[in-house]
Protein backbone atom coordinates (compact mmCIF):
# COMPACT_ATOMS: atom_id res chain seq x y z
CA MET A 1 7.63 -3.12 -49.56
CA ARG A 2 10.02 -1.76 -52.17
CA ASP A 3 13.19 -3.62 -53.16
CA GLY A 4 12.66 -5.90 -50.18
CA LYS A 5 12.85 -2.99 -47.75
CA LEU A 6 10.15 -2.15 -45.23
CA GLN A 7 8.75 1.31 -45.93
CA VAL A 8 8.06 3.41 -42.83
CA LEU A 9 6.28 6.76 -42.84
CA ALA A 10 6.97 8.56 -39.56
CA VAL A 11 4.67 11.45 -38.65
CA VAL A 12 5.67 14.23 -36.25
CA GLY A 13 2.42 15.25 -34.60
CA SER A 14 3.68 18.52 -33.15
CA LEU A 15 4.30 22.04 -34.36
CA ASN A 16 6.47 22.89 -31.36
CA GLN A 17 9.88 24.06 -32.57
CA ASN A 18 11.60 22.23 -29.69
CA SER A 19 9.28 19.22 -29.78
CA VAL A 20 10.35 16.16 -27.81
CA THR A 21 8.00 14.17 -30.03
CA ARG A 22 10.14 15.18 -33.02
CA ALA A 23 13.30 14.12 -31.16
CA VAL A 24 11.90 10.65 -30.48
CA ILE A 25 10.54 10.21 -34.01
CA HIS A 26 13.99 11.01 -35.43
CA HIS A 27 15.66 8.68 -32.92
CA VAL A 28 13.39 5.80 -33.94
CA GLY A 29 13.71 6.69 -37.62
CA GLU A 30 17.49 6.52 -37.50
CA ALA A 31 17.36 3.19 -35.69
CA LEU A 32 14.96 1.79 -38.30
CA GLN A 33 17.23 2.96 -41.10
CA ALA A 34 20.15 1.22 -39.41
CA LYS A 35 18.05 -1.98 -39.51
CA GLY A 36 17.56 -1.64 -43.27
CA CYS A 37 14.18 0.09 -43.41
CA GLU A 38 13.37 3.00 -45.71
CA VAL A 39 12.15 5.86 -43.51
CA ASP A 40 10.21 8.88 -44.72
CA ILE A 41 9.46 11.56 -42.11
CA PHE A 42 6.47 13.84 -42.52
CA ASP A 43 7.03 16.94 -40.37
CA PRO A 44 4.31 19.60 -40.60
CA MET A 45 6.80 22.15 -39.31
CA LYS A 46 8.59 21.80 -42.66
CA GLU A 47 5.70 20.78 -44.93
CA GLN A 48 2.35 22.52 -45.17
CA LEU A 49 -0.83 20.50 -44.68
CA GLY A 50 -3.94 22.62 -44.45
CA LEU A 51 -6.81 21.96 -42.06
CA PHE A 52 -8.80 19.05 -43.45
CA ASN A 53 -11.85 20.10 -45.44
CA PRO A 54 -13.65 17.25 -47.25
CA ASP A 55 -14.84 19.70 -49.91
CA SER A 56 -11.41 20.97 -50.91
CA SER A 57 -8.51 19.03 -49.35
CA TYR A 58 -8.42 16.24 -51.91
CA SER A 59 -7.70 18.75 -54.66
CA GLY A 60 -5.23 20.75 -52.58
CA ALA A 61 -1.71 21.43 -53.80
CA SER A 62 0.02 19.15 -51.28
CA TYR A 63 -2.50 16.30 -51.09
CA ALA A 64 -1.54 14.09 -54.05
CA ALA A 65 2.16 13.95 -53.17
CA LEU A 66 1.45 13.15 -49.51
CA GLN A 67 -1.15 10.56 -50.45
CA ALA A 68 1.47 8.78 -52.57
CA ARG A 69 3.83 8.69 -49.58
CA VAL A 70 1.10 7.26 -47.32
CA GLU A 71 0.17 4.71 -49.97
CA ALA A 72 3.82 3.62 -50.32
CA ALA A 73 4.23 3.05 -46.57
CA ASP A 74 4.04 -0.39 -44.96
CA VAL A 75 4.18 1.05 -41.44
CA LEU A 76 2.87 4.31 -39.97
CA LEU A 77 4.97 5.50 -37.01
CA LEU A 78 2.84 8.13 -35.30
CA GLY A 79 4.19 10.56 -32.71
CA THR A 80 2.08 12.93 -30.68
CA PRO A 81 2.08 14.88 -27.44
CA ASP A 82 -0.71 14.04 -25.00
CA TYR A 83 -3.15 16.97 -25.08
CA HIS A 84 -5.94 16.58 -22.50
CA GLY A 85 -5.73 12.80 -22.81
CA SER A 86 -6.03 12.91 -26.58
CA VAL A 87 -3.95 13.21 -29.74
CA SER A 88 -2.70 16.57 -30.93
CA SER A 89 -4.72 18.45 -33.52
CA THR A 90 -1.64 18.29 -35.76
CA LEU A 91 -1.64 14.49 -35.85
CA LYS A 92 -5.43 14.31 -36.06
CA ASN A 93 -5.35 16.61 -39.07
CA PHE A 94 -2.91 14.27 -40.82
CA LEU A 95 -5.08 11.24 -40.02
CA ASP A 96 -8.25 12.98 -41.20
CA HIS A 97 -6.84 13.29 -44.72
CA PHE A 98 -6.61 9.51 -45.18
CA TRP A 99 -8.34 6.24 -44.38
CA GLN A 100 -8.28 3.74 -47.26
CA GLU A 101 -4.53 4.21 -47.54
CA PHE A 102 -4.10 2.78 -44.02
CA ALA A 103 -5.85 -0.54 -44.67
CA GLY A 104 -3.77 -3.61 -43.90
CA LYS A 105 -0.81 -1.61 -42.59
CA LEU A 106 0.80 -1.43 -39.17
CA PHE A 107 0.44 1.52 -36.77
CA ALA A 108 3.11 2.11 -34.12
CA THR A 109 2.80 4.97 -31.63
CA VAL A 110 5.00 7.13 -29.42
CA VAL A 111 3.42 9.60 -27.01
CA ALA A 112 4.93 12.44 -25.00
CA SER A 113 2.89 12.35 -21.80
CA HIS A 114 3.01 12.90 -18.06
CA GLU A 115 0.15 10.40 -17.69
CA LYS A 116 1.58 7.37 -19.57
CA GLY A 117 -0.35 8.31 -22.72
CA LEU A 118 -2.72 5.35 -22.36
CA THR A 119 -5.86 7.10 -23.63
CA VAL A 120 -3.91 8.58 -26.55
CA THR A 121 -2.55 5.16 -27.51
CA ASP A 122 -6.05 3.68 -27.25
CA GLN A 123 -7.46 6.40 -29.49
CA LEU A 124 -4.82 5.71 -32.14
CA ARG A 125 -5.65 2.00 -31.94
CA THR A 126 -9.28 2.94 -32.55
CA VAL A 127 -8.25 4.93 -35.64
CA ALA A 128 -6.28 1.92 -36.89
CA ARG A 129 -9.23 -0.41 -36.32
CA GLN A 130 -11.70 1.92 -38.03
CA CYS A 131 -9.39 2.12 -41.06
CA TYR A 132 -8.80 -1.66 -41.23
CA ALA A 133 -5.19 -1.25 -40.10
CA TRP A 134 -3.26 -3.25 -37.53
CA SER A 135 -1.71 -1.70 -34.43
CA MET A 136 1.12 -2.68 -32.14
CA PRO A 137 -0.19 -4.13 -28.87
CA TYR A 138 1.64 -1.41 -26.96
CA GLY A 139 2.72 2.18 -27.34
CA VAL A 140 5.83 3.90 -26.01
CA SER A 141 5.33 6.94 -23.80
CA PHE A 142 7.92 9.28 -22.37
CA VAL A 143 8.20 12.37 -20.19
CA ASP A 144 9.99 15.30 -21.78
CA ARG A 145 12.04 16.62 -18.85
CA GLU A 146 13.10 13.18 -17.68
CA ASP A 147 13.65 11.29 -20.92
CA ILE A 148 14.75 13.91 -23.48
CA LYS A 149 17.59 16.34 -22.86
CA GLU A 150 18.72 18.96 -25.40
CA GLY A 151 16.77 17.23 -28.15
CA VAL A 152 18.33 13.80 -27.54
CA VAL A 153 16.94 10.63 -25.94
CA ALA A 154 18.79 10.55 -22.64
CA SER A 155 17.00 7.95 -20.53
CA GLU A 156 18.40 4.42 -20.71
CA GLN A 157 14.96 3.03 -19.91
CA LEU A 158 13.41 4.88 -22.83
CA LYS A 159 16.25 3.79 -25.13
CA LYS A 160 15.48 0.16 -24.26
CA ARG A 161 11.75 0.64 -24.90
CA LEU A 162 12.52 2.24 -28.26
CA GLU A 163 14.91 -0.59 -29.16
CA MET A 164 12.05 -3.00 -28.51
CA LEU A 165 9.72 -0.90 -30.67
CA VAL A 166 12.24 -0.81 -33.52
CA HIS A 167 12.71 -4.57 -33.34
CA ASP A 168 8.97 -5.21 -33.38
CA ILE A 169 8.27 -2.73 -36.19
CA CYS A 170 10.92 -4.44 -38.34
CA ASN A 171 9.65 -7.95 -37.69
CA TYR A 172 5.89 -7.61 -37.41
CA GLY A 173 5.85 -4.84 -40.00
CA ARG A 174 7.48 -7.18 -42.52
CA VAL A 175 5.10 -10.05 -41.75
CA ILE A 176 2.04 -7.82 -42.14
CA ALA A 177 3.38 -6.09 -45.26
CA GLU A 178 4.10 -9.40 -46.97
CA GLN A 179 0.66 -10.76 -46.11
CA ARG A 180 -0.94 -7.52 -47.30
CA LEU A 181 0.71 -7.91 -50.71
CA ARG A 182 -0.41 -11.53 -50.94
CA ASP A 183 -3.97 -10.56 -50.08
CA LEU A 184 -4.06 -7.68 -52.56
CA ASN A 185 -2.63 -9.84 -55.35
CA GLY A 186 -4.64 -12.96 -54.56
CA ASN A 187 -8.26 -13.99 -54.82
CA GLU A 188 -9.04 -15.18 -51.30
CA PRO A 189 -11.99 -13.51 -49.49
CA GLY A 190 -9.97 -11.58 -46.86
CA PHE A 191 -10.83 -8.10 -45.66
CA LEU A 192 -8.38 -6.57 -48.16
CA ALA A 193 -10.32 -8.03 -51.09
CA ARG A 194 -12.35 -4.81 -51.33
CA TYR A 195 -9.16 -2.87 -52.08
CA ARG A 196 -8.00 -4.99 -55.02
CA ALA A 197 -9.97 -3.08 -57.64
CA LYS A 198 -8.55 0.23 -56.40
CA ARG A 199 -4.92 -0.68 -57.09
């Protein structure tokens, strides 16, 4: 956290110009800002991030600046459309660039899906677990034609689900972020001990 504010990095996992995922990410981002969080939105429509290549990506022109933004985040808000029951290649490409930077942080997910997005949410939980991150015990899914109209969240039911998500990100995100800092600065044998020397 910086200046007592929860730092949220929101990732738009779609390159669609009229993406409903983008609309929901911005809706949640604005609500988090209204609650006092600092929100940084990474949108690959506006920022270039090349296809991950372990031989060259770490020295790429955009990597260092994006890595710093990921490192600064307390919470990762991840948005993706449901493609064949899985995450979009756009979001997967973002995730492939990082892993240590996620440790001890909170993942929250929103999924545009006609099938409730359950497998997508589960896959993102798996990513969180593999990277020693925490994940919300639920994800929020929505259906584009029913829930989003003209780029705006229109469904009252979805608005209520997103209000719940914002509340939980603010509260659980703060608890986890504060504990993460204590673990990184302490000397107890928690799972974050391995990251102390890298700070």
